[in-house]
C-alpha atoms as a PDB file:
ATOM      1  CA  MET A   1     -45.030  13.393 151.697  1.00  0.00           C
ATOM      2  CA  LYS A   2     -46.190  15.797 154.388  1.00  0.00           C
ATOM      3  CA  ILE A   3     -48.440  18.789 153.699  1.00  0.00           C
ATOM      4  CA  ILE A   4     -47.751  21.570 156.201  1.00  0.00           C
ATOM      5  CA  PHE A   5     -50.412  24.273 156.534  1.00  0.00           C
ATOM      6  CA  ILE A   6     -49.088  27.489 158.127  1.00  0.00           C
ATOM      7  CA  HIS A   7     -51.684  30.049 159.203  1.00  0.00           C
ATOM      8  CA  GLY A   8     -51.489  33.839 159.303  1.00  0.00           C
ATOM      9  CA  MET A   9     -52.066  36.458 161.979  1.00  0.00           C
ATOM     10  CA  ASN A  10     -55.044  37.306 164.163  1.00  0.00           C
ATOM     11  CA  GLN A  11     -56.073  33.759 165.093  1.00  0.00           C
ATOM     12  CA  GLN A  12     -56.275  34.285 168.852  1.00  0.00           C
ATOM     13  CA  ASN A  13     -59.962  33.415 168.921  1.00  0.00           C
ATOM     14  CA  TYR A  14     -59.115  29.875 167.796  1.00  0.00           C
ATOM     15  CA  ASP A  15     -57.176  27.059 169.357  1.00  0.00           C
ATOM     16  CA  GLN A  16     -55.152  24.560 167.370  1.00  0.00           C
ATOM     17  CA  PRO A  17     -57.929  21.963 166.832  1.00  0.00           C
ATOM     18  CA  SER A  18     -60.619  24.483 165.864  1.00  0.00           C
ATOM     19  CA  LEU A  19     -58.418  26.436 163.444  1.00  0.00           C
ATOM     20  CA  LYS A  20     -57.162  23.211 161.855  1.00  0.00           C
ATOM     21  CA  GLN A  21     -60.760  22.083 161.383  1.00  0.00           C
ATOM     22  CA  HIS A  22     -61.601  25.451 159.792  1.00  0.00           C
ATOM     23  CA  TRP A  23     -58.788  25.028 157.242  1.00  0.00           C
ATOM     24  CA  LEU A  24     -59.586  21.383 156.547  1.00  0.00           C
ATOM     25  CA  SER A  25     -63.253  22.194 155.984  1.00  0.00           C
ATOM     26  CA  ALA A  26     -62.333  24.811 153.375  1.00  0.00           C
ATOM     27  CA  PHE A  27     -59.791  22.458 151.781  1.00  0.00           C
ATOM     28  CA  LYS A  28     -62.366  19.660 151.621  1.00  0.00           C
ATOM     29  CA  THR A  29     -64.748  21.998 149.780  1.00  0.00           C
ATOM     30  CA  GLY A  30     -61.909  22.941 147.446  1.00  0.00           C
ATOM     31  CA  LEU A  31     -61.220  19.271 146.702  1.00  0.00           C
ATOM     32  CA  SER A  32     -64.855  18.850 145.755  1.00  0.00           C
ATOM     33  CA  HIS A  33     -64.825  21.946 143.523  1.00  0.00           C
ATOM     34  CA  SER A  34     -61.674  20.681 141.837  1.00  0.00           C
ATOM     35  CA  GLN A  35     -63.213  17.261 141.255  1.00  0.00           C
ATOM     36  CA  GLN A  36     -60.287  15.681 143.069  1.00  0.00           C
ATOM     37  CA  ASN A  37     -61.417  12.237 144.157  1.00  0.00           C
ATOM     38  CA  ILE A  38     -59.153  12.137 147.205  1.00  0.00           C
ATOM     39  CA  ASP A  39     -59.918  11.091 150.744  1.00  0.00           C
ATOM     40  CA  LEU A  40     -58.837  13.944 153.008  1.00  0.00           C
ATOM     41  CA  ASN A  41     -58.019  11.448 155.761  1.00  0.00           C
ATOM     42  CA  ALA A  42     -55.513   9.742 153.465  1.00  0.00           C
ATOM     43  CA  LEU A  43     -53.374  12.884 153.255  1.00  0.00           C
ATOM     44  CA  GLU A  44     -50.624  13.470 155.804  1.00  0.00           C
ATOM     45  CA  ILE A  45     -51.509  17.031 156.813  1.00  0.00           C
ATOM     46  CA  ARG A  46     -49.884  18.816 159.730  1.00  0.00           C
ATOM     47  CA  PHE A  47     -50.968  22.124 161.210  1.00  0.00           C
ATOM     48  CA  PRO A  48     -48.530  24.072 163.416  1.00  0.00           C
ATOM     49  CA  PHE A  49     -50.286  26.659 165.585  1.00  0.00           C
ATOM     50  CA  TYR A  50     -48.779  29.828 167.011  1.00  0.00           C
ATOM     51  CA  GLY A  51     -51.932  31.928 167.430  1.00  0.00           C
ATOM     52  CA  ASP A  52     -51.775  31.709 171.211  1.00  0.00           C
ATOM     53  CA  LEU A  53     -48.323  33.291 171.503  1.00  0.00           C
ATOM     54  CA  LEU A  54     -49.690  36.852 171.446  1.00  0.00           C
ATOM     55  CA  SER A  55     -51.816  36.128 174.505  1.00  0.00           C
ATOM     56  CA  LYS A  56     -48.725  34.729 176.187  1.00  0.00           C
ATOM     57  CA  HIS A  57     -47.111  38.137 175.655  1.00  0.00           C
ATOM     58  CA  HIS A  58     -50.325  39.883 176.842  1.00  0.00           C
ATOM     59  CA  LEU A  59     -50.820  41.549 173.457  1.00  0.00           C
ATOM     60  CA  TYR A  60     -53.752  41.661 171.049  1.00  0.00           C
ATOM     61  CA  ASN A  61     -54.245  42.674 167.440  1.00  0.00           C
ATOM     62  CA  SER A  62     -56.352  45.817 167.227  1.00  0.00           C
ATOM     63  CA  LEU A  63     -57.223  46.129 163.542  1.00  0.00           C
ATOM     64  CA  ASP A  64     -60.968  46.062 162.898  1.00  0.00           C
ATOM     65  CA  ILE A  65     -61.559  46.466 159.188  1.00  0.00           C
ATOM     66  CA  ASP A  66     -65.183  47.439 159.657  1.00  0.00           C
ATOM     67  CA  THR A  67     -64.425  50.339 162.003  1.00  0.00           C
ATOM     68  CA  PHE A  68     -60.962  51.520 160.981  1.00  0.00           C
ATOM     69  CA  LEU A  69     -62.081  53.483 157.924  1.00  0.00           C
ATOM     70  CA  PRO A  70     -64.169  56.679 158.060  1.00  0.00           C
ATOM     71  CA  LYS A  71     -67.923  56.248 157.998  1.00  0.00           C
ATOM     72  CA  SER A  72     -68.052  57.442 154.400  1.00  0.00           C
ATOM     73  CA  ILE A  73     -65.354  55.925 152.183  1.00  0.00           C
ATOM     74  CA  SER A  74     -67.040  56.086 148.801  1.00  0.00           C
ATOM     75  CA  HIS A  75     -65.132  59.246 147.844  1.00  0.00           C
ATOM     76  CA  ILE A  76     -61.631  58.031 148.742  1.00  0.00           C
ATOM     77  CA  HIS A  77     -59.473  58.148 145.604  1.00  0.00           C
ATOM     78  CA  LEU A  78     -55.782  57.854 146.366  1.00  0.00           C
ATOM     79  CA  PRO A  79     -53.759  58.474 143.193  1.00  0.00           C
ATOM     80  CA  PHE A  80     -50.780  56.293 144.079  1.00  0.00           C
ATOM     81  CA  HIS A  81     -52.082  53.147 142.435  1.00  0.00           C
ATOM     82  CA  LEU A  82     -51.780  54.895 139.078  1.00  0.00           C
ATOM     83  CA  ARG A  83     -47.990  54.889 139.439  1.00  0.00           C
ATOM     84  CA  HIS A  84     -47.764  51.318 140.654  1.00  0.00           C
ATOM     85  CA  ASN A  85     -47.530  48.135 138.651  1.00  0.00           C
ATOM     86  CA  ASN A  86     -50.889  46.457 139.174  1.00  0.00           C
ATOM     87  CA  THR A  87     -50.346  43.803 136.537  1.00  0.00           C
ATOM     88  CA  ILE A  88     -52.584  40.807 137.004  1.00  0.00           C
ATOM     89  CA  VAL A  89     -50.816  37.569 136.177  1.00  0.00           C
ATOM     90  CA  PRO A  90     -53.378  35.134 134.766  1.00  0.00           C
ATOM     91  CA  GLU A  91     -53.573  31.509 135.800  1.00  0.00           C
ATOM     92  CA  HIS A  92     -51.260  29.251 133.805  1.00  0.00           C
ATOM     93  CA  HIS A  93     -53.918  26.553 133.826  1.00  0.00           C
ATOM     94  CA  PRO A  94     -57.242  28.399 133.927  1.00  0.00           C
ATOM     95  CA  CYS A  95     -60.008  26.638 135.740  1.00  0.00           C
ATOM     96  CA  ALA A  96     -63.412  27.891 136.739  1.00  0.00           C
ATOM     97  CA  SER A  97     -63.915  28.781 140.372  1.00  0.00           C
ATOM     98  CA  ARG A  98     -67.106  27.876 142.208  1.00  0.00           C
ATOM     99  CA  LEU A  99     -66.712  30.858 144.505  1.00  0.00           C
ATOM    100  CA  PRO A 100     -69.463  33.471 144.113  1.00  0.00           C
ATOM    101  CA  SER A 101     -69.047  36.224 141.560  1.00  0.00           C
ATOM    102  CA  VAL A 102     -71.984  38.463 142.276  1.00  0.00           C
ATOM    103  CA  ASN A 103     -73.321  41.320 140.173  1.00  0.00           C
ATOM    104  CA  PRO A 104     -74.756  43.994 142.498  1.00  0.00           C
ATOM    105  CA  GLU A 105     -77.568  44.656 140.015  1.00  0.00           C
ATOM    106  CA  CYS A 106     -78.665  41.014 140.184  1.00  0.00           C
ATOM    107  CA  SER A 107     -78.669  40.576 143.943  1.00  0.00           C
ATOM    108  CA  GLU A 108     -81.888  39.260 145.410  1.00  0.00           C
ATOM    109  CA  SER A 109     -82.617  42.127 147.784  1.00  0.00           C
ATOM    110  CA  PHE A 110     -81.677  45.694 148.589  1.00  0.00           C
ATOM    111  CA  THR A 111     -80.021  44.525 151.818  1.00  0.00           C
ATOM    112  CA  GLN A 112     -77.919  42.008 149.912  1.00  0.00           C
ATOM    113  CA  ARG A 113     -76.926  44.627 147.349  1.00  0.00           C
ATOM    114  CA  LEU A 114     -76.017  47.113 150.063  1.00  0.00           C
ATOM    115  CA  ALA A 115     -73.868  44.560 151.890  1.00  0.00           C
ATOM    116  CA  LEU A 116     -72.101  43.674 148.659  1.00  0.00           C
ATOM    117  CA  ILE A 117     -71.427  47.293 147.683  1.00  0.00           C
ATOM    118  CA  THR A 118     -70.153  48.036 151.202  1.00  0.00           C
ATOM    119  CA  ALA A 119     -67.755  45.086 151.055  1.00  0.00           C
ATOM    120  CA  LEU A 120     -66.462  46.035 147.596  1.00  0.00           C
ATOM    121  CA  THR A 121     -65.980  49.689 148.580  1.00  0.00           C
ATOM    122  CA  ARG A 122     -64.188  48.736 151.787  1.00  0.00           C
ATOM    123  CA  ASP A 123     -61.801  46.367 150.002  1.00  0.00           C
ATOM    124  CA  HIS A 124     -61.109  48.949 147.278  1.00  0.00           C
ATOM    125  CA  ALA A 125     -60.310  51.624 149.866  1.00  0.00           C
ATOM    126  CA  PHE A 126     -57.990  49.315 151.805  1.00  0.00           C
ATOM    127  CA  LYS A 127     -56.260  48.256 148.605  1.00  0.00           C
ATOM    128  CA  GLU A 128     -55.603  51.917 147.775  1.00  0.00           C
ATOM    129  CA  LEU A 129     -54.341  52.492 151.322  1.00  0.00           C
ATOM    130  CA  ALA A 130     -51.985  49.505 151.107  1.00  0.00           C
ATOM    131  CA  LEU A 131     -50.555  50.715 147.797  1.00  0.00           C
ATOM    132  CA  PHE A 132     -50.107  54.204 149.245  1.00  0.00           C
ATOM    133  CA  LEU A 133     -48.299  52.909 152.329  1.00  0.00           C
ATOM    134  CA  ASN A 134     -45.983  50.786 150.193  1.00  0.00           C
ATOM    135  CA  HIS A 135     -44.362  54.021 148.969  1.00  0.00           C
ATOM    136  CA  TYR A 136     -43.572  55.029 152.565  1.00  0.00           C
ATOM    137  CA  PRO A 137     -42.074  52.078 154.496  1.00  0.00           C
ATOM    138  CA  LYS A 138     -41.621  54.024 157.747  1.00  0.00           C
ATOM    139  CA  LEU A 139     -45.274  55.072 157.764  1.00  0.00           C
ATOM    140  CA  HIS A 140     -46.224  51.517 156.814  1.00  0.00           C
ATOM    141  CA  GLU A 141     -44.196  50.189 159.745  1.00  0.00           C
ATOM    142  CA  THR A 142     -45.986  52.593 162.100  1.00  0.00           C
ATOM    143  CA  PHE A 143     -49.332  51.341 160.796  1.00  0.00           C
ATOM    144  CA  ILE A 144     -48.271  47.724 161.340  1.00  0.00           C
ATOM    145  CA  HIS A 145     -47.036  48.494 164.852  1.00  0.00           C
ATOM    146  CA  LYS A 146     -50.328  50.166 165.745  1.00  0.00           C
ATOM    147  CA  PHE A 147     -52.828  47.816 164.156  1.00  0.00           C
ATOM    148  CA  LEU A 148     -51.034  44.552 163.263  1.00  0.00           C
ATOM    149  CA  ILE A 149     -49.087  43.931 166.446  1.00  0.00           C
ATOM    150  CA  GLU A 150     -48.577  40.213 165.743  1.00  0.00           C
ATOM    151  CA  THR A 151     -46.865  41.005 162.452  1.00  0.00           C
ATOM    152  CA  TYR A 152     -44.785  43.758 164.033  1.00  0.00           C
ATOM    153  CA  LEU A 153     -43.773  41.500 166.922  1.00  0.00           C
ATOM    154  CA  TYR A 154     -42.654  38.727 164.592  1.00  0.00           C
ATOM    155  CA  LEU A 155     -40.633  41.111 162.407  1.00  0.00           C
ATOM    156  CA  SER A 156     -38.981  43.021 165.255  1.00  0.00           C
ATOM    157  CA  ASN A 157     -38.682  40.650 168.224  1.00  0.00           C
ATOM    158  CA  PRO A 158     -36.117  37.820 167.791  1.00  0.00           C
ATOM    159  CA  ASP A 159     -37.485  35.917 170.787  1.00  0.00           C
ATOM    160  CA  PHE A 160     -41.025  35.919 169.396  1.00  0.00           C
ATOM    161  CA  MET A 161     -39.697  34.897 165.965  1.00  0.00           C
ATOM    162  CA  HIS A 162     -37.797  32.013 167.567  1.00  0.00           C
ATOM    163  CA  GLU A 163     -40.911  30.842 169.423  1.00  0.00           C
ATOM    164  CA  VAL A 164     -42.939  30.825 166.208  1.00  0.00           C
ATOM    165  CA  HIS A 165     -40.197  28.983 164.302  1.00  0.00           C
ATOM    166  CA  GLN A 166     -39.917  26.331 167.005  1.00  0.00           C
ATOM    167  CA  ARG A 167     -43.657  25.651 166.816  1.00  0.00           C
ATOM    168  CA  ILE A 168     -43.410  25.072 163.068  1.00  0.00           C
ATOM    169  CA  MET A 169     -40.158  23.093 163.068  1.00  0.00           C
ATOM    170  CA  SER A 170     -41.622  20.564 165.474  1.00  0.00           C
ATOM    171  CA  TYR A 171     -43.722  19.357 162.514  1.00  0.00           C
ATOM    172  CA  LEU A 172     -40.851  19.175 159.995  1.00  0.00           C
ATOM    173  CA  ARG A 173     -38.516  16.199 159.521  1.00  0.00           C
ATOM    174  CA  PRO A 174     -35.141  16.479 157.735  1.00  0.00           C
ATOM    175  CA  GLU A 175     -35.540  13.015 156.200  1.00  0.00           C
ATOM    176  CA  LEU A 176     -38.987  13.701 154.673  1.00  0.00           C
ATOM    177  CA  ASP A 177     -40.252  15.727 151.719  1.00  0.00           C
ATOM    178  CA  HIS A 178     -42.720  18.516 152.492  1.00  0.00           C
ATOM    179  CA  ILE A 179     -45.242  20.673 150.681  1.00  0.00           C
ATOM    180  CA  ILE A 180     -45.663  23.926 152.583  1.00  0.00           C
ATOM    181  CA  VAL A 181     -48.876  25.938 152.148  1.00  0.00           C
ATOM    182  CA  ALA A 182     -48.550  29.287 153.907  1.00  0.00           C
ATOM    183  CA  HIS A 183     -51.182  32.016 154.211  1.00  0.00           C
ATOM    184  CA  SER A 184     -50.612  35.736 154.827  1.00  0.00           C
ATOM    185  CA  LEU A 185     -48.080  36.316 157.634  1.00  0.00           C
ATOM    186  CA  GLY A 186     -47.408  32.569 157.477  1.00  0.00           C
ATOM    187  CA  SER A 187     -45.684  33.092 154.105  1.00  0.00           C
ATOM    188  CA  VAL A 188     -43.301  35.640 155.656  1.00  0.00           C
ATOM    189  CA  ILE A 189     -42.596  33.290 158.558  1.00  0.00           C
ATOM    190  CA  THR A 190     -41.942  30.367 156.226  1.00  0.00           C
ATOM    191  CA  TYR A 191     -39.607  32.387 153.999  1.00  0.00           C
ATOM    192  CA  ASN A 192     -37.476  33.377 156.997  1.00  0.00           C
ATOM    193  CA  LEU A 193     -37.571  29.907 158.538  1.00  0.00           C
ATOM    194  CA  LEU A 194     -36.432  28.173 155.348  1.00  0.00           C
ATOM    195  CA  HIS A 195     -33.481  30.529 155.014  1.00  0.00           C
ATOM    196  CA  GLN A 196     -32.471  30.018 158.636  1.00  0.00           C
ATOM    197  CA  TYR A 197     -32.836  26.232 158.628  1.00  0.00           C
ATOM    198  CA  PRO A 198     -31.845  24.785 155.217  1.00  0.00           C
ATOM    199  CA  GLN A 199     -31.799  21.165 156.453  1.00  0.00           C
ATOM    200  CA  PHE A 200     -35.467  20.575 155.616  1.00  0.00           C
ATOM    201  CA  ARG A 201     -36.500  19.187 152.221  1.00  0.00           C
ATOM    202  CA  ILE A 202     -39.215  21.210 150.508  1.00  0.00           C
ATOM    203  CA  GLN A 203     -40.786  19.792 147.366  1.00  0.00           C
ATOM    204  CA  ARG A 204     -43.212  22.662 146.762  1.00  0.00           C
ATOM    205  CA  PHE A 205     -43.814  26.068 148.375  1.00  0.00           C
ATOM    206  CA  ILE A 206     -47.304  27.566 147.995  1.00  0.00           C
ATOM    207  CA  THR A 207     -48.010  31.080 149.281  1.00  0.00           C
ATOM    208  CA  LEU A 208     -51.568  32.373 149.622  1.00  0.00           C
ATOM    209  CA  GLY A 209     -52.414  36.045 150.126  1.00  0.00           C
ATOM    210  CA  SER A 210     -48.764  36.841 150.832  1.00  0.00           C
ATOM    211  CA  PRO A 211     -47.653  40.362 151.883  1.00  0.00           C
ATOM    212  CA  LEU A 212     -44.068  39.638 150.775  1.00  0.00           C
ATOM    213  CA  ALA A 213     -44.442  42.167 147.941  1.00  0.00           C
ATOM    214  CA  PHE A 214     -44.545  45.095 150.385  1.00  0.00           C
ATOM    215  CA  ARG A 215     -41.281  46.981 150.941  1.00  0.00           C
ATOM    216  CA  VAL A 216     -41.785  47.255 154.704  1.00  0.00           C
ATOM    217  CA  ILE A 217     -41.870  43.445 154.887  1.00  0.00           C
ATOM    218  CA  GLN A 218     -38.873  43.004 152.590  1.00  0.00           C
ATOM    219  CA  GLU A 219     -36.762  45.288 154.796  1.00  0.00           C
ATOM    220  CA  LYS A 220     -37.233  42.818 157.674  1.00  0.00           C
ATOM    221  CA  LEU A 221     -36.478  39.627 155.744  1.00  0.00           C
ATOM    222  CA  ILE A 222     -33.275  37.643 155.854  1.00  0.00           C
ATOM    223  CA  THR A 223     -31.139  39.055 153.076  1.00  0.00           C
ATOM    224  CA  PRO A 224     -30.221  38.788 150.329  1.00  0.00           C
ATOM    225  CA  ILE A 225     -33.772  37.971 149.301  1.00  0.00           C
ATOM    226  CA  SER A 226     -33.573  34.762 147.297  1.00  0.00           C
ATOM    227  CA  ARG A 227     -35.295  31.515 146.484  1.00  0.00           C
ATOM    228  CA  PRO A 228     -35.222  29.143 149.499  1.00  0.00           C
ATOM    229  CA  PRO A 229     -32.096  27.016 148.961  1.00  0.00           C
ATOM    230  CA  GLN A 230     -33.743  23.688 149.818  1.00  0.00           C
ATOM    231  CA  LEU A 231     -36.788  24.217 147.584  1.00  0.00           C
ATOM    232  CA  GLU A 232     -36.568  21.410 145.025  1.00  0.00           C
ATOM    233  CA  GLY A 233     -39.757  22.158 143.091  1.00  0.00           C
ATOM    234  CA  ASP A 234     -41.935  25.141 142.242  1.00  0.00           C
ATOM    235  CA  TRP A 235     -42.952  28.187 144.240  1.00  0.00           C
ATOM    236  CA  PHE A 236     -46.596  29.030 143.554  1.00  0.00           C
ATOM    237  CA  ASN A 237     -47.908  32.402 144.703  1.00  0.00           C
ATOM    238  CA  PHE A 238     -51.688  32.870 144.602  1.00  0.00           C
ATOM    239  CA  TYR A 239     -53.142  36.317 145.143  1.00  0.00           C
ATOM    240  CA  SER A 240     -56.482  38.018 144.701  1.00  0.00           C
ATOM    241  CA  PRO A 241     -56.641  41.424 142.978  1.00  0.00           C
ATOM    242  CA  ASP A 242     -59.378  42.286 145.510  1.00  0.00           C
ATOM    243  CA  ASP A 243     -57.209  41.355 148.515  1.00  0.00           C
ATOM    244  CA  PHE A 244     -55.771  44.590 149.918  1.00  0.00           C
ATOM    245  CA  LEU A 245     -52.906  42.690 151.602  1.00  0.00           C
ATOM    246  CA  THR A 246     -51.819  41.107 148.313  1.00  0.00           C
ATOM    247  CA  ALA A 247     -52.590  43.684 145.683  1.00  0.00           C
ATOM    248  CA  PHE A 248     -49.831  42.632 143.297  1.00  0.00           C
ATOM    249  CA  PRO A 249     -47.754  39.531 142.424  1.00  0.00           C
ATOM    250  CA  LEU A 250     -44.244  38.497 143.452  1.00  0.00           C
ATOM    251  CA  SER A 251     -42.801  39.081 139.995  1.00  0.00           C
ATOM    252  CA  GLU A 252     -40.624  42.189 140.321  1.00  0.00           C
ATOM    253  CA  ALA A 253     -37.285  42.705 142.079  1.00  0.00           C
ATOM    254  CA  PRO A 254     -36.237  41.378 144.521  1.00  0.00           C
ATOM    255  CA  PHE A 255     -38.415  38.354 143.663  1.00  0.00           C
ATOM    256  CA  ASP A 256     -37.420  38.151 139.995  1.00  0.00           C
ATOM    257  CA  PHE A 257     -35.046  35.243 140.548  1.00  0.00           C
ATOM    258  CA  GLU A 258     -34.729  31.984 138.593  1.00  0.00           C
ATOM    259  CA  PRO A 259     -36.545  29.713 138.384  1.00  0.00           C
ATOM    260  CA  PRO A 260     -39.346  32.257 138.633  1.00  0.00           C
ATOM    261  CA  ILE A 261     -42.166  32.242 141.129  1.00  0.00           C
ATOM    262  CA  ILE A 262     -45.381  31.067 139.453  1.00  0.00           C
ATOM    263  CA  ASN A 263     -47.814  33.902 140.202  1.00  0.00           C
ATOM    264  CA  GLN A 264     -51.518  33.345 139.644  1.00  0.00           C
ATOM    265  CA  ALA A 265     -54.368  35.771 140.196  1.00  0.00           C
ATOM    266  CA  ILE A 266     -57.474  33.985 141.442  1.00  0.00           C
ATOM    267  CA  THR A 267     -60.956  34.723 142.709  1.00  0.00           C
ATOM    268  CA  THR A 268     -61.406  34.438 146.449  1.00  0.00           C
ATOM    269  CA  SER A 269     -64.254  35.279 148.820  1.00  0.00           C
ATOM    270  CA  LEU A 270     -66.217  38.339 147.744  1.00  0.00           C
ATOM    271  CA  TYR A 271     -66.920  39.610 151.256  1.00  0.00           C
ATOM    272  CA  ASN A 272     -63.500  38.793 152.756  1.00  0.00           C
ATOM    273  CA  PRO A 273     -60.976  38.346 149.938  1.00  0.00           C
ATOM    274  CA  HIS A 274     -58.025  37.790 152.312  1.00  0.00           C
ATOM    275  CA  SER A 275     -59.712  34.928 154.164  1.00  0.00           C
ATOM    276  CA  ILE A 276     -58.094  31.504 153.946  1.00  0.00           C
ATOM    277  CA  THR A 277     -61.495  30.068 153.012  1.00  0.00           C
ATOM    278  CA  GLY A 278     -61.494  31.710 149.586  1.00  0.00           C
ATOM    279  CA  TYR A 279     -57.943  30.608 148.838  1.00  0.00           C
ATOM    280  CA  LEU A 280     -58.308  26.962 149.884  1.00  0.00           C
ATOM    281  CA  GLN A 281     -61.615  26.589 148.036  1.00  0.00           C
ATOM    282  CA  ASN A 282     -60.126  27.743 144.738  1.00  0.00           C
ATOM    283  CA  PRO A 283     -59.472  24.861 142.302  1.00  0.00           C
ATOM    284  CA  ALA A 284     -56.140  26.292 141.122  1.00  0.00           C
ATOM    285  CA  VAL A 285     -54.812  26.315 144.690  1.00  0.00           C
ATOM    286  CA  VAL A 286     -56.096  22.825 145.428  1.00  0.00           C
ATOM    287  CA  ASN A 287     -54.612  21.422 142.232  1.00  0.00           C
ATOM    288  CA  SER A 288     -51.218  22.959 143.004  1.00  0.00           C
ATOM    289  CA  ILE A 289     -51.230  21.118 146.361  1.00  0.00           C
ATOM    290  CA  ILE A 290     -52.445  17.764 145.064  1.00  0.00           C
ATOM    291  CA  ASN A 291     -50.259  17.794 141.956  1.00  0.00           C
ATOM    292  CA  GLY A 292     -47.275  18.473 144.191  1.00  0.00           C
ATOM    293  CA  LEU A 293     -47.807  15.093 145.841  1.00  0.00           C
ATOM    294  CA  THR A 294     -47.007  13.278 142.597  1.00  0.00           C
ATOM    295  CA  THR A 295     -44.478  15.632 141.018  1.00  0.00           C
ATOM    296  CA  GLU A 296     -41.122  13.991 140.462  1.00  0.00           C
ATOM    297  CA  LYS A 297     -38.081  15.722 141.826  1.00  0.00           C
END
């Protein structure tokens, strides 16, 4: 069975070999944390790469998290999260994560504490901003167009979407079973691709840090929004409550279909909660991939 890793946006600084190595390194650490005695080389892992397509179109993502916010963000308190469902769905099979959970009061130095507090404040502010924008899809779309050009281009340009899909489909085989692990924008791409091309056999679909819960994304999806028709097994959706791009699970309409998506809140990287590193190192994510290799249809 093939494992297909599908990356997210803003990977122009990598090429296909270097980004694949980055993912495999994190996954190898996750295997160790999960006490999975599996040789990484024995797994049939494929890694489609589309990160160079933006350069082909002479475009570049312009979002810099460290400079986008005002210099002082400690007093930002947007009230919109109070009216939003922020339910955290616990893991169905709890397992301890080896990722750092740091108490600012116990950090070794003032510099370390300051860096930690800055990271936590930044992520909190961006989470509030994301929840605010979700109430105003047109404003959210403007934000994406300005700062997340790769996402905007995929959602609005059929030619770019087709190019991305062709890159991914070159790694899929109609006669084989696949486990697809998609991060961030990659989860949106995979959802659309599976609905456009139902000939591929998918045993398990695993989304990591997915922005599918945002209304502005849903308005651009192939409709009606539904479970991929060729998905034979489970859909696992892992999200971090600290990840501003995935602040809530895929549990409400229009994702309340049957069988339900298995949503699990997990701990990711403290300093960059949306990073693929934190997701692939988490034991719950790793186990969902490995267990999918032996799950009967």
